[in-house]
Protein backbone atom coordinates (compact mmCIF):
# COMPACT_ATOMS: atom_id res chain seq x y z
CA MET A 1 97.61 33.61 53.64
CA SER A 2 101.42 33.79 53.74
CA VAL A 3 102.80 37.44 54.84
CA LEU A 4 104.61 37.46 51.40
CA GLN A 5 101.65 36.85 49.35
CA GLU A 6 99.77 39.26 51.78
CA LEU A 7 102.26 42.00 51.00
CA PHE A 8 103.46 41.25 47.56
CA GLY A 9 101.22 38.63 45.87
CA LEU A 10 99.39 39.85 42.68
CA ASP A 11 97.31 36.86 41.90
CA GLY A 12 94.23 37.58 39.48
CA GLN A 13 95.34 41.09 38.80
CA VAL A 14 95.84 42.30 34.99
CA ALA A 15 99.19 44.23 34.40
CA ILE A 16 99.89 46.15 31.12
CA VAL A 17 103.71 46.46 30.42
CA THR A 18 104.56 48.94 27.72
CA GLY A 19 107.95 48.36 26.04
CA GLY A 20 107.24 44.85 27.09
CA THR A 21 109.83 43.24 24.82
CA GLY A 22 112.82 45.41 25.84
CA ALA A 23 115.72 44.39 28.02
CA LEU A 24 114.02 46.37 31.21
CA GLY A 25 110.32 45.90 30.33
CA SER A 26 110.73 42.01 29.60
CA ALA A 27 112.31 41.67 33.08
CA LEU A 28 109.64 43.18 34.65
CA ALA A 29 106.70 41.31 32.53
CA ARG A 30 108.38 38.05 33.87
CA GLY A 31 108.41 39.18 37.25
CA LEU A 32 104.69 40.26 37.33
CA ALA A 33 103.87 36.82 35.64
CA ARG A 34 105.79 35.00 38.58
CA ALA A 35 103.88 36.92 41.17
CA GLY A 36 100.46 35.83 39.68
CA ALA A 37 99.60 38.54 37.61
CA ARG A 38 98.02 38.44 33.82
CA VAL A 39 100.16 40.44 31.63
CA ALA A 40 99.56 42.07 28.42
CA LEU A 41 102.79 43.00 26.52
CA VAL A 42 102.53 46.45 24.54
CA ALA A 43 105.13 46.71 22.04
CA ARG A 44 105.51 47.83 18.51
CA ARG A 45 107.05 44.36 17.04
CA ARG A 46 104.40 41.70 16.96
CA GLU A 47 106.88 38.71 16.72
CA PRO A 48 109.01 39.41 19.99
CA ALA A 49 105.97 40.34 21.68
CA GLU A 50 104.22 36.91 20.80
CA ALA A 51 107.42 35.17 21.79
CA LEU A 52 107.61 36.63 25.09
CA ALA A 53 103.81 35.73 25.79
CA ALA A 54 104.38 32.18 24.93
CA GLU A 55 107.42 31.95 27.11
CA LEU A 56 105.30 33.45 30.02
CA VAL A 57 102.36 30.94 29.12
CA ALA A 58 104.96 27.92 29.31
CA ALA A 59 106.28 28.78 32.49
CA GLY A 60 102.73 28.50 33.90
CA GLY A 61 101.54 32.35 33.76
CA ALA A 62 98.97 34.23 31.64
CA ALA A 63 99.95 36.64 28.90
CA LEU A 64 98.76 38.24 25.75
CA ALA A 65 100.65 40.02 23.13
CA VAL A 66 98.90 43.63 22.22
CA PRO A 67 101.13 45.24 19.41
CA ALA A 68 100.78 48.95 19.62
CA ASP A 69 103.02 52.17 19.42
CA VAL A 70 102.82 53.96 22.64
CA LEU A 71 102.34 57.25 20.62
CA ASP A 72 99.62 56.12 18.55
CA ARG A 73 96.33 56.48 20.71
CA ALA A 74 94.13 54.55 18.33
CA ARG A 75 96.35 51.68 18.44
CA LEU A 76 96.70 51.75 22.16
CA GLU A 77 92.97 51.95 22.56
CA GLN A 78 92.56 48.75 20.48
CA ALA A 79 95.07 47.17 22.85
CA ARG A 80 92.99 48.18 25.99
CA ASP A 81 89.70 46.74 24.13
CA ALA A 82 91.80 43.22 23.58
CA VAL A 83 92.85 42.97 27.08
CA LEU A 84 89.29 43.98 28.34
CA ALA A 85 87.95 41.44 26.13
CA ARG A 86 90.12 38.97 27.42
CA TRP A 87 90.19 39.49 31.15
CA GLY A 88 87.60 42.15 31.80
CA ARG A 89 90.11 44.46 34.10
CA ILE A 90 93.08 46.51 34.04
CA ASP A 91 94.89 46.65 37.70
CA ILE A 92 98.52 47.74 36.86
CA LEU A 93 100.25 49.66 34.23
CA VAL A 94 103.99 49.96 33.99
CA ASN A 95 105.31 52.49 31.46
CA ALA A 96 108.44 50.70 30.35
CA ALA A 97 108.62 52.12 26.99
CA GLY A 98 111.40 54.80 26.33
CA GLY A 99 114.94 55.44 25.19
CA ASN A 100 117.26 57.76 23.67
CA LEU A 101 118.65 58.45 20.20
CA PRO A 102 122.20 59.24 19.20
CA ALA A 103 121.16 62.48 17.30
CA ALA A 104 119.89 63.68 20.50
CA THR A 105 123.06 63.08 22.55
CA VAL A 106 126.11 65.35 22.65
CA SER A 107 129.02 63.21 20.99
CA ALA A 108 132.58 63.65 22.17
CA GLU A 109 133.50 65.81 19.23
CA GLY A 110 130.15 67.71 19.22
CA SER A 111 128.42 70.55 20.63
CA PHE A 112 125.13 71.10 22.33
CA PHE A 113 124.45 74.05 20.11
CA ASP A 114 124.39 71.50 17.10
CA LEU A 115 121.76 69.11 18.31
CA PRO A 116 119.16 69.05 15.98
CA CYS A 117 115.66 69.93 17.44
CA ALA A 118 113.82 67.27 16.07
CA ALA A 119 115.87 64.37 17.65
CA LEU A 120 115.31 66.25 20.90
CA GLU A 121 111.36 66.27 20.25
CA GLN A 122 111.65 62.62 19.42
CA VAL A 123 113.26 61.60 22.62
CA VAL A 124 110.81 63.79 24.51
CA ALA A 125 107.80 62.30 22.81
CA LEU A 126 108.94 58.81 23.21
CA ASN A 127 109.72 59.10 26.84
CA LEU A 128 107.30 61.70 28.08
CA HIS A 129 104.07 61.34 25.56
CA GLY A 130 104.91 57.57 25.53
CA THR A 131 104.11 57.51 29.23
CA LEU A 132 101.15 60.07 29.12
CA LEU A 133 99.27 58.63 26.36
CA PRO A 134 99.26 54.91 27.64
CA THR A 135 98.33 56.19 31.10
CA GLN A 136 95.41 58.23 29.64
CA VAL A 137 94.19 54.94 27.70
CA PHE A 138 94.78 52.34 30.42
CA GLY A 139 94.59 54.64 33.40
CA ALA A 140 91.10 55.48 32.61
CA VAL A 141 89.94 51.79 33.32
CA MET A 142 91.68 52.02 36.52
CA ALA A 143 89.87 55.52 37.25
CA GLN A 144 86.59 54.20 36.81
CA ALA A 145 87.32 51.14 38.95
CA GLY A 146 88.53 53.44 41.72
CA GLN A 147 91.90 51.57 42.06
CA GLY A 148 94.92 50.63 40.33
CA CYS A 149 98.68 51.06 40.29
CA ILE A 150 100.70 53.11 37.79
CA VAL A 151 104.52 52.51 37.79
CA ASN A 152 106.68 54.73 35.45
CA ILE A 153 110.37 54.29 34.71
CA SER A 154 112.63 57.12 35.24
CA SER A 155 116.17 57.33 35.39
CA MET A 156 119.37 58.71 36.99
CA ALA A 157 119.45 61.17 34.23
CA ALA A 158 116.54 62.97 35.53
CA GLN A 159 117.87 63.57 39.02
CA ARG A 160 121.73 64.55 38.50
CA ALA A 161 122.94 66.31 35.28
CA LEU A 162 124.89 63.58 33.30
CA THR A 163 126.98 64.79 30.17
CA ARG A 164 125.93 63.84 26.65
CA VAL A 165 122.42 62.89 27.17
CA VAL A 166 120.55 65.99 27.38
CA GLY A 167 117.30 65.21 25.62
CA TYR A 168 116.94 61.76 27.49
CA GLY A 169 117.54 63.68 30.90
CA ALA A 170 115.03 66.47 30.15
CA ALA A 171 112.58 63.73 29.38
CA LYS A 172 112.87 61.62 32.04
CA ALA A 173 112.88 64.60 34.58
CA ALA A 174 109.52 65.32 32.94
CA VAL A 175 108.51 61.84 33.64
CA GLU A 176 109.08 61.98 37.38
CA ASN A 177 107.38 65.37 37.53
CA VAL A 178 104.25 64.11 35.98
CA THR A 179 104.53 61.14 38.23
CA ARG A 180 103.88 63.47 41.27
CA TRP A 181 101.46 65.38 39.35
CA LEU A 182 99.32 62.45 38.42
CA ALA A 183 99.75 60.88 42.08
CA VAL A 184 98.14 64.20 43.37
CA GLU A 185 95.42 64.50 40.71
CA LEU A 186 94.27 60.86 40.19
CA GLY A 187 94.33 60.37 44.06
CA ARG A 188 92.22 63.35 44.75
CA ARG A 189 90.01 62.80 42.00
CA TYR A 190 89.31 58.97 42.04
CA GLY A 191 90.53 58.03 45.55
CA ALA A 192 93.38 56.73 47.48
CA GLY A 193 92.85 53.22 45.72
CA LEU A 194 94.67 54.64 42.55
CA ARG A 195 98.35 55.29 42.99
CA VAL A 196 101.23 56.37 40.65
CA ASN A 197 104.91 55.82 41.42
CA ALA A 198 108.08 55.52 39.35
CA ILE A 199 111.41 53.75 39.47
CA ALA A 200 114.51 55.33 38.47
CA PRO A 201 116.94 52.76 37.56
CA GLY A 202 120.83 53.50 37.63
CA PHE A 203 122.82 52.22 34.96
CA PHE A 204 121.97 49.15 33.17
CA VAL A 205 123.35 47.98 29.91
CA GLY A 206 121.34 47.81 26.79
CA GLU A 207 121.44 47.99 23.34
CA GLN A 208 120.94 51.77 23.17
CA ASN A 209 123.83 52.68 25.67
CA ARG A 210 126.32 49.62 25.12
CA ALA A 211 128.57 51.52 23.05
CA LEU A 212 128.69 54.53 25.44
CA LEU A 213 129.51 52.11 28.35
CA LEU A 214 131.23 49.02 26.96
CA GLU A 215 134.21 48.88 24.33
CA PRO A 216 133.49 46.02 21.64
CA ASP A 217 135.78 43.43 23.65
CA GLY A 218 133.73 43.98 26.68
CA ARG A 219 135.95 46.29 28.62
CA LEU A 220 134.58 49.48 30.12
CA THR A 221 134.74 52.56 28.06
CA PRO A 222 136.02 55.90 30.21
CA ARG A 223 132.28 56.72 30.78
CA GLY A 224 131.74 53.28 31.88
CA GLN A 225 134.75 53.42 34.19
CA THR A 226 133.55 56.77 35.63
CA ILE A 227 130.00 55.21 36.33
CA ILE A 228 131.51 52.26 37.97
CA ALA A 229 133.82 54.26 39.99
CA HIS A 230 130.81 56.34 41.34
CA THR A 231 128.46 53.31 42.04
CA PRO A 232 129.23 51.81 45.46
CA ALA A 233 127.73 48.59 44.42
CA GLY A 234 130.73 48.26 41.69
CA ARG A 235 128.65 47.03 39.19
CA PHE A 236 125.99 47.75 36.29
CA GLY A 237 122.08 46.72 37.15
CA GLU A 238 120.73 43.59 36.12
CA PRO A 239 117.22 43.74 34.59
CA ASP A 240 116.20 41.32 37.48
CA ASP A 241 117.43 43.90 40.01
CA LEU A 242 113.97 46.23 39.42
CA ILE A 243 111.65 43.18 39.93
CA GLY A 244 111.57 43.54 43.96
CA THR A 245 110.84 47.07 43.59
CA LEU A 246 108.08 46.91 41.13
CA LEU A 247 106.28 43.96 42.95
CA TRP A 248 106.62 46.01 46.33
CA LEU A 249 104.89 49.29 44.59
CA CYS A 250 102.32 47.17 42.88
CA GLY A 251 101.47 44.93 45.81
CA PRO A 252 98.99 45.46 48.67
CA GLY A 253 102.01 46.51 50.97
CA ALA A 254 102.50 49.72 49.18
CA ARG A 255 99.00 50.70 49.54
CA PHE A 256 99.98 54.08 51.11
CA VAL A 257 102.67 54.87 48.63
CA THR A 258 102.21 57.31 46.11
CA GLY A 259 103.93 60.13 44.34
CA VAL A 260 107.40 58.62 44.99
CA VAL A 261 110.39 57.93 42.76
CA VAL A 262 112.35 54.89 43.94
CA PRO A 263 116.02 54.83 42.71
CA VAL A 264 117.37 51.37 42.10
CA ASP A 265 120.93 52.27 41.51
CA GLY A 266 123.52 50.47 43.43
CA GLY A 267 123.91 53.65 45.48
CA PHE A 268 124.96 56.05 42.57
CA SER A 269 122.48 58.82 43.69
CA ALA A 270 123.65 58.55 47.42
CA TRP A 271 127.42 59.17 46.61
CA SER A 272 128.90 62.56 46.35
CA GLY A 273 132.07 61.05 44.63
CA VAL A 274 134.15 62.24 47.48
């Protein structure tokens, strides 16, 4: 066995990726499949999930589309049962489902005091409850086995106050807190083989934030310019930039790593701006 396989190989393991058809989730699913994991894609829309699963199978991997909403426990339980019926085990859970809503974001002309509570509640539900519910449903299988790896997706908005994205920042801060809480609770109760960590991406361009970061012609918006100016790497992240960290956290080489949040941000969190 090569040292890379010994440290990072995931052959035979079964991975669940929620939000598996999103920009980040799909890249993480591809990375897991290339490392040898069998990947179940949890997403609300069946067609994109089935298309990605077919792509992974065509590339020599093993994949399964299991449509479900991360806020619907019954559908998550159906997805869990489908995965267990196919592969008989669950080893990895990547909670990549999440996002923001325009109504929960302070506009340039708006005010925090005018934000509708319903929009804030939706964003908190999607990011926090959408992490907790899959962890309860899929994590229980790992707890019974006494081993597994859960990786949550946080954000730079959790660690530093970013203007405008109040609901999203609050929700991701909660995700980081619950990551540490779960690492302690699950490790103490079910053993050191069950680990919980998080990745905090820097700024990646997706459909939800594209208008905040890029003009229609592709030029940086003023906000985008500020972000790049405060990112030592001098660019936005690419989804594949997250794969190496994910494989490390999920692999045998990280067996003593739990309760941490790893920034993958081009240095944004390291720089004071001075």
